[in-house]
Amino acid sequence: MSTSPIIYKDRYTGKQHQEQIMAESAMRWIYGTTTGQLALHILIKRAIFSKFLGYLKNRPASRKEIKPFIARYGIPMEESILQVHEFTSFNDFFQRRLKPQARPIFPGNDVAVFPADGRHMGWQQANQMQGVFIKGQQFDLPALLGNQELADHYACGSVILSRLAPTDYHRFHFPIDGVPGPSKLIPGHLVSVSPYSLRAKLSGLWTNKRMLTLIDSPVWGKVALLEVGATGVGSITETYTPGTPVTKGEEKGYFHFGGSTVMTFFEPNRIQLANDLLETTSQHIELFARQGDFMGKLISSTTP
């Protein structure tokens, strides 16, 4: 496993930062040692392990973890609808809702927005995805989407990978207006989606538990959203109603405790991704941006 720091660029400051990794020593042990890999195979990637973590984080006693977590990672609680004393458990805090004004939605019917807070990478063509987190790693699109026909459909389209760290806001939203269909569960294990683990084995993205939703839009065509579970994410909860029209920025669901990933797929020649997103991706680093911010524009329009 590569032990180099996890570096990302902040869209808002233009500066590069080293990511604070939750339980970093444990991550290094799991993904960097033989005994850690054994523990991963025998227990950690199993659903029962994440369910047990979820049980602990749902207990009222876990409330004592909230204030130290906020202090250590600098969580901006002024954005939260509820105050610290109102949360019933750590998981209740983890899946907190934010005040509407905390995440303004970038305007324009011809603009798509990021579906979640996180560190993002983007490719104009999905079949050109390579060197993700580390040189030489390739995506297996059919395995990721669980369907060869869908993989062929999006192979020449654009794809955005949005990675949520445990310290991020963990609700995810629709990036466009449209009519979403039902979510399809793709069963799998629950390994970490931290860059530490993805550097070692990118396939965690397509062997983990996933939820796939197709959104029909008269403007954007058929857009696919894929939520990827991870260690500690025993559940991915969908809060939208299938078949009911949604507007971009509207909540789709949330992850329970743990870091997670949302991937967005566009058909060919639909979207021109943001310049800074393409630039950082070409440098094999992620771009930090918030949910609702500019992700890309219709290919027939001029990108700002």
Protein backbone atom coordinates (compact mmCIF):
# COMPACT_ATOMS: atom_id res chain seq x y z
CA MET A 1 0.00 0.00 0.00
CA SER A 2 1.23 3.51 -0.79
CA THR A 3 1.93 5.44 2.41
CA SER A 4 2.19 8.87 0.79
CA PRO A 5 -0.20 11.55 2.17
CA ILE A 6 -3.71 11.93 0.78
CA ILE A 7 -3.67 15.29 -1.02
CA TYR A 8 -6.70 17.13 -2.40
CA LYS A 9 -7.32 20.63 -3.77
CA ASP A 10 -9.92 22.92 -2.22
CA ARG A 11 -12.01 24.61 -4.93
CA TYR A 12 -12.77 27.58 -2.69
CA THR A 13 -9.24 28.48 -1.60
CA GLY A 14 -7.30 27.06 -4.54
CA LYS A 15 -4.91 25.45 -2.06
CA GLN A 16 -3.86 21.84 -1.66
CA HIS A 17 -4.37 20.13 1.68
CA GLN A 18 -3.46 16.86 3.33
CA GLU A 19 -6.57 14.96 4.35
CA GLN A 20 -7.17 14.06 7.99
CA ILE A 21 -7.77 10.31 7.93
CA MET A 22 -10.10 8.92 10.56
CA ALA A 23 -8.50 5.93 12.35
CA GLU A 24 -5.42 6.34 10.16
CA SER A 25 -3.24 3.90 12.07
CA ALA A 26 -5.93 1.21 11.77
CA MET A 27 -6.24 1.88 8.03
CA ARG A 28 -2.50 1.50 7.57
CA TRP A 29 -2.58 -1.78 9.49
CA ILE A 30 -5.55 -3.21 7.58
CA TYR A 31 -4.38 -2.29 4.09
CA GLY A 32 -0.62 -2.33 4.61
CA THR A 33 0.09 -5.53 6.56
CA THR A 34 -0.45 -9.24 6.06
CA THR A 35 -2.30 -9.62 9.37
CA GLY A 36 -4.49 -6.63 8.52
CA GLN A 37 -5.40 -8.13 5.15
CA LEU A 38 -6.30 -11.39 6.89
CA ALA A 39 -8.57 -9.54 9.31
CA LEU A 40 -10.14 -7.71 6.37
CA HIS A 41 -10.90 -10.97 4.57
CA ILE A 42 -12.17 -12.86 7.62
CA LEU A 43 -14.20 -10.15 9.36
CA ILE A 44 -13.95 -6.47 8.45
CA LYS A 45 -15.46 -6.65 4.95
CA ARG A 46 -18.37 -8.78 6.16
CA ALA A 47 -21.78 -7.15 6.60
CA ILE A 48 -22.00 -8.39 10.18
CA PHE A 49 -18.99 -6.25 11.15
CA SER A 50 -20.56 -3.06 9.75
CA LYS A 51 -23.91 -3.94 11.34
CA PHE A 52 -22.17 -4.27 14.70
CA LEU A 53 -20.47 -0.88 14.25
CA GLY A 54 -23.84 0.56 13.27
CA TYR A 55 -25.40 -0.92 16.42
CA LEU A 56 -22.76 0.77 18.57
CA LYS A 57 -23.16 4.13 16.80
CA ASN A 58 -26.96 3.97 17.20
CA ARG A 59 -26.85 3.47 20.96
CA PRO A 60 -27.65 6.51 23.16
CA ALA A 61 -24.29 6.01 24.88
CA SER A 62 -22.56 6.93 21.61
CA ARG A 63 -23.65 10.56 22.08
CA LYS A 64 -20.49 11.10 24.13
CA GLU A 65 -18.46 10.70 20.91
CA ILE A 66 -20.12 13.66 19.17
CA LYS A 67 -18.40 16.63 20.83
CA PRO A 68 -14.85 15.18 20.57
CA PHE A 69 -15.49 14.35 16.89
CA ILE A 70 -16.69 17.90 16.18
CA ALA A 71 -13.66 19.39 17.96
CA ARG A 72 -11.10 17.12 16.31
CA TYR A 73 -12.34 17.52 12.73
CA GLY A 74 -13.70 21.07 12.89
CA ILE A 75 -17.29 20.20 11.93
CA PRO A 76 -19.19 23.48 11.21
CA MET A 77 -22.21 22.93 13.45
CA GLU A 78 -23.71 26.31 12.52
CA GLU A 79 -24.84 24.55 9.30
CA SER A 80 -26.79 21.86 11.16
CA ILE A 81 -30.55 22.11 11.74
CA LEU A 82 -30.19 20.32 15.10
CA GLN A 83 -27.83 21.34 17.87
CA VAL A 84 -25.44 18.93 19.55
CA HIS A 85 -27.67 18.25 22.56
CA GLU A 86 -30.59 17.30 20.31
CA PHE A 87 -28.96 14.27 18.67
CA THR A 88 -30.02 10.90 20.06
CA SER A 89 -26.87 9.00 19.02
CA PHE A 90 -23.64 9.40 17.06
CA ASN A 91 -25.33 8.02 13.94
CA ASP A 92 -28.13 10.55 14.35
CA PHE A 93 -25.46 13.26 14.29
CA PHE A 94 -23.59 11.61 11.42
CA GLN A 95 -26.64 11.65 9.13
CA ARG A 96 -27.67 15.16 10.19
CA ARG A 97 -29.62 17.48 7.89
CA LEU A 98 -28.28 20.93 7.10
CA LYS A 99 -30.05 24.27 6.88
CA PRO A 100 -31.18 24.93 3.29
CA GLN A 101 -28.99 28.03 2.97
CA ALA A 102 -25.90 25.98 3.93
CA ARG A 103 -25.80 24.40 0.45
CA PRO A 104 -26.98 26.86 -2.21
CA ILE A 105 -27.74 25.18 -5.53
CA PHE A 106 -25.84 26.51 -8.56
CA PRO A 107 -28.56 27.96 -10.87
CA GLY A 108 -29.38 27.11 -14.48
CA ASN A 109 -31.35 24.35 -16.19
CA ASP A 110 -28.23 23.58 -18.22
CA VAL A 111 -26.02 23.09 -15.13
CA ALA A 112 -25.49 19.85 -13.21
CA VAL A 113 -24.33 20.02 -9.59
CA PHE A 114 -22.32 17.79 -7.29
CA PRO A 115 -24.59 15.27 -5.53
CA ALA A 116 -22.66 15.33 -2.26
CA ASP A 117 -19.99 17.08 -0.25
CA GLY A 118 -16.70 15.40 -0.93
CA ARG A 119 -13.53 15.01 -2.88
CA HIS A 120 -14.30 14.59 -6.56
CA MET A 121 -12.67 13.22 -9.69
CA GLY A 122 -14.18 13.43 -13.19
CA TRP A 123 -13.56 12.05 -16.66
CA GLN A 124 -15.12 13.23 -19.93
CA GLN A 125 -15.19 9.62 -21.12
CA ALA A 126 -15.68 6.71 -18.74
CA ASN A 127 -13.57 4.39 -20.89
CA GLN A 128 -10.60 6.73 -20.34
CA MET A 129 -10.63 6.34 -16.56
CA GLN A 130 -7.15 5.32 -15.55
CA GLY A 131 -4.56 6.13 -12.94
CA VAL A 132 -7.30 6.54 -10.33
CA PHE A 133 -5.59 7.33 -6.99
CA ILE A 134 -2.48 5.57 -8.27
CA LYS A 135 -0.99 4.95 -11.70
CA GLY A 136 -1.92 1.74 -13.49
CA GLN A 137 -5.32 1.10 -11.91
CA GLN A 138 -8.22 0.58 -14.34
CA PHE A 139 -11.98 0.62 -13.82
CA ASP A 140 -14.15 -2.41 -14.55
CA LEU A 141 -17.29 -0.60 -15.69
CA PRO A 142 -19.48 -3.71 -16.28
CA ALA A 143 -18.67 -4.98 -12.78
CA LEU A 144 -19.24 -1.54 -11.25
CA LEU A 145 -22.71 -1.10 -12.80
CA GLY A 146 -23.55 -4.79 -12.55
CA ASN A 147 -24.75 -4.78 -16.15
CA GLN A 148 -22.87 -5.07 -19.47
CA GLU A 149 -25.59 -3.23 -21.41
CA LEU A 150 -25.45 -0.25 -19.05
CA ALA A 151 -21.66 -0.29 -19.15
CA ASP A 152 -21.75 -0.12 -22.95
CA HIS A 153 -24.30 2.70 -22.75
CA TYR A 154 -22.07 4.87 -20.54
CA ALA A 155 -18.63 3.77 -21.77
CA CYS A 156 -18.15 6.88 -23.90
CA GLY A 157 -20.06 9.15 -21.55
CA SER A 158 -18.83 11.22 -18.60
CA VAL A 159 -18.39 9.97 -15.05
CA ILE A 160 -17.83 11.75 -11.74
CA LEU A 161 -16.58 9.99 -8.61
CA SER A 162 -17.53 11.80 -5.38
CA ARG A 163 -15.82 10.39 -2.29
CA LEU A 164 -17.25 11.28 1.11
CA ALA A 165 -14.85 11.17 4.05
CA PRO A 166 -16.32 10.24 7.45
CA THR A 167 -16.04 13.93 8.42
CA ASP A 168 -18.29 15.11 5.55
CA TYR A 169 -22.02 15.82 5.39
CA HIS A 170 -23.44 12.38 4.53
CA ARG A 171 -26.69 13.03 2.71
CA PHE A 172 -26.66 12.80 -1.07
CA HIS A 173 -28.82 14.70 -3.55
CA PHE A 174 -29.94 14.72 -7.18
CA PRO A 175 -27.48 16.46 -9.53
CA ILE A 176 -30.16 17.29 -12.15
CA ASP A 177 -33.91 17.68 -12.64
CA GLY A 178 -35.65 14.51 -13.78
CA VAL A 179 -37.77 11.50 -12.89
CA PRO A 180 -35.87 8.84 -10.92
CA GLY A 181 -36.74 5.19 -11.18
CA PRO A 182 -36.48 2.68 -8.32
CA SER A 183 -33.09 1.97 -6.76
CA LYS A 184 -31.57 -1.42 -7.48
CA LEU A 185 -29.46 -3.15 -4.86
CA ILE A 186 -26.23 -4.71 -6.12
CA PRO A 187 -25.02 -6.96 -3.25
CA GLY A 188 -21.41 -6.96 -2.12
CA HIS A 189 -18.95 -6.67 0.73
CA LEU A 190 -18.20 -3.50 2.74
CA VAL A 191 -14.52 -2.57 2.49
CA SER A 192 -13.23 0.96 3.05
CA VAL A 193 -13.32 3.50 0.19
CA SER A 194 -10.53 5.57 1.71
CA PRO A 195 -7.72 6.31 -0.76
CA TYR A 196 -5.53 4.09 1.44
CA SER A 197 -7.67 1.09 0.50
CA LEU A 198 -8.41 2.19 -3.07
CA ARG A 199 -4.70 2.67 -3.75
CA ALA A 200 -4.20 -0.94 -2.71
CA LYS A 201 -7.23 -2.32 -4.55
CA LEU A 202 -9.57 -0.13 -6.61
CA SER A 203 -11.92 -3.08 -7.10
CA GLY A 204 -13.49 -2.30 -3.72
CA LEU A 205 -15.73 0.10 -5.63
CA TRP A 206 -17.28 -2.72 -7.67
CA THR A 207 -17.22 -5.48 -5.08
CA ASN A 208 -18.89 -3.40 -2.34
CA LYS A 209 -22.62 -3.16 -1.78
CA ARG A 210 -24.12 -0.60 -4.19
CA MET A 211 -27.43 1.11 -5.03
CA LEU A 212 -28.10 2.05 -8.67
CA THR A 213 -30.75 4.54 -9.79
CA LEU A 214 -31.55 5.71 -13.34
CA ILE A 215 -32.96 9.22 -13.80
CA ASP A 216 -34.85 10.22 -16.94
CA SER A 217 -34.44 13.86 -17.96
CA PRO A 218 -35.65 15.68 -21.10
CA VAL A 219 -32.49 17.81 -20.88
CA TRP A 220 -29.81 15.36 -19.75
CA GLY A 221 -31.10 12.07 -21.12
CA LYS A 222 -30.69 9.04 -18.85
CA VAL A 223 -28.38 9.74 -15.92
CA ALA A 224 -27.19 6.98 -13.56
CA LEU A 225 -26.43 7.50 -9.87
CA LEU A 226 -24.52 4.81 -7.99
CA GLU A 227 -24.10 4.91 -4.23
CA VAL A 228 -21.31 2.71 -2.91
CA GLY A 229 -21.30 1.42 0.65
CA ALA A 230 -18.17 0.94 2.75
CA THR A 231 -16.93 -0.37 6.08
CA GLY A 232 -19.34 0.80 8.76
CA VAL A 233 -22.04 1.69 6.20
CA GLY A 234 -24.43 -1.12 7.07
CA SER A 235 -27.26 0.74 5.35
CA ILE A 236 -27.81 3.15 2.46
CA THR A 237 -31.19 4.78 3.02
CA GLU A 238 -33.10 6.20 0.05
CA THR A 239 -35.55 8.98 0.99
CA TYR A 240 -36.94 9.90 -2.45
CA THR A 241 -40.10 8.52 -4.09
CA PRO A 242 -39.48 6.61 -7.35
CA GLY A 243 -41.48 7.91 -10.31
CA THR A 244 -41.96 11.36 -8.75
CA PRO A 245 -40.22 14.30 -10.53
CA VAL A 246 -37.33 15.84 -8.60
CA THR A 247 -35.37 19.08 -8.94
CA LYS A 248 -31.59 19.26 -8.74
CA GLY A 249 -30.35 19.60 -5.20
CA GLU A 250 -33.32 17.68 -3.79
CA GLU A 251 -32.36 15.02 -1.24
CA LYS A 252 -32.08 11.45 -2.53
CA GLY A 253 -30.92 9.65 0.61
CA TYR A 254 -28.17 9.25 3.17
CA PHE A 255 -25.38 6.97 4.33
CA HIS A 256 -25.10 5.65 7.84
CA PHE A 257 -21.75 5.76 9.68
CA GLY A 258 -18.59 5.49 7.56
CA GLY A 259 -16.97 6.97 4.49
CA SER A 260 -18.81 6.39 1.22
CA THR A 261 -18.91 7.21 -2.48
CA VAL A 262 -21.44 8.49 -5.02
CA MET A 263 -20.80 8.09 -8.75
CA THR A 264 -22.68 9.99 -11.48
CA PHE A 265 -22.82 8.77 -15.09
CA PHE A 266 -23.88 10.83 -18.12
CA GLU A 267 -24.53 9.64 -21.67
CA PRO A 268 -22.00 10.64 -24.38
CA ASN A 269 -21.92 14.28 -25.49
CA ARG A 270 -24.25 15.47 -22.72
CA ILE A 271 -22.01 17.35 -20.28
CA GLN A 272 -18.80 19.37 -20.28
CA LEU A 273 -17.24 18.86 -16.88
CA ALA A 274 -15.86 21.79 -14.88
CA ASN A 275 -12.34 22.82 -15.86
CA ASP A 276 -10.92 22.57 -12.34
CA LEU A 277 -12.41 19.09 -11.93
CA LEU A 278 -10.75 17.85 -15.12
CA GLU A 279 -7.47 19.55 -14.25
CA THR A 280 -7.10 18.04 -10.78
CA THR A 281 -8.18 14.62 -12.04
CA SER A 282 -5.47 14.73 -14.71
CA GLN A 283 -3.00 15.28 -11.85
CA HIS A 284 -4.38 12.21 -9.99
CA ILE A 285 -5.68 14.29 -7.09
CA GLU A 286 -9.20 15.07 -5.94
CA LEU A 287 -11.09 18.37 -5.91
CA PHE A 288 -13.00 19.27 -2.76
CA ALA A 289 -16.37 20.88 -3.50
CA ARG A 290 -19.71 21.00 -1.70
CA GLN A 291 -23.04 19.49 -2.62
CA GLY A 292 -24.99 21.76 -4.98
CA ASP A 293 -21.93 23.43 -6.50
CA PHE A 294 -21.12 23.53 -10.23
CA MET A 295 -20.15 20.14 -11.68
CA GLY A 296 -20.65 20.70 -15.39
CA LYS A 297 -22.75 22.21 -18.15
CA LEU A 298 -24.67 20.94 -21.15
CA ILE A 299 -22.25 20.18 -23.95
CA SER A 300 -24.10 22.58 -26.27
CA SER A 301 -23.53 25.44 -23.82
CA THR A 302 -20.45 27.42 -22.91
CA THR A 303 -18.77 26.23 -19.72
CA PRO A 304 -17.85 29.07 -17.31
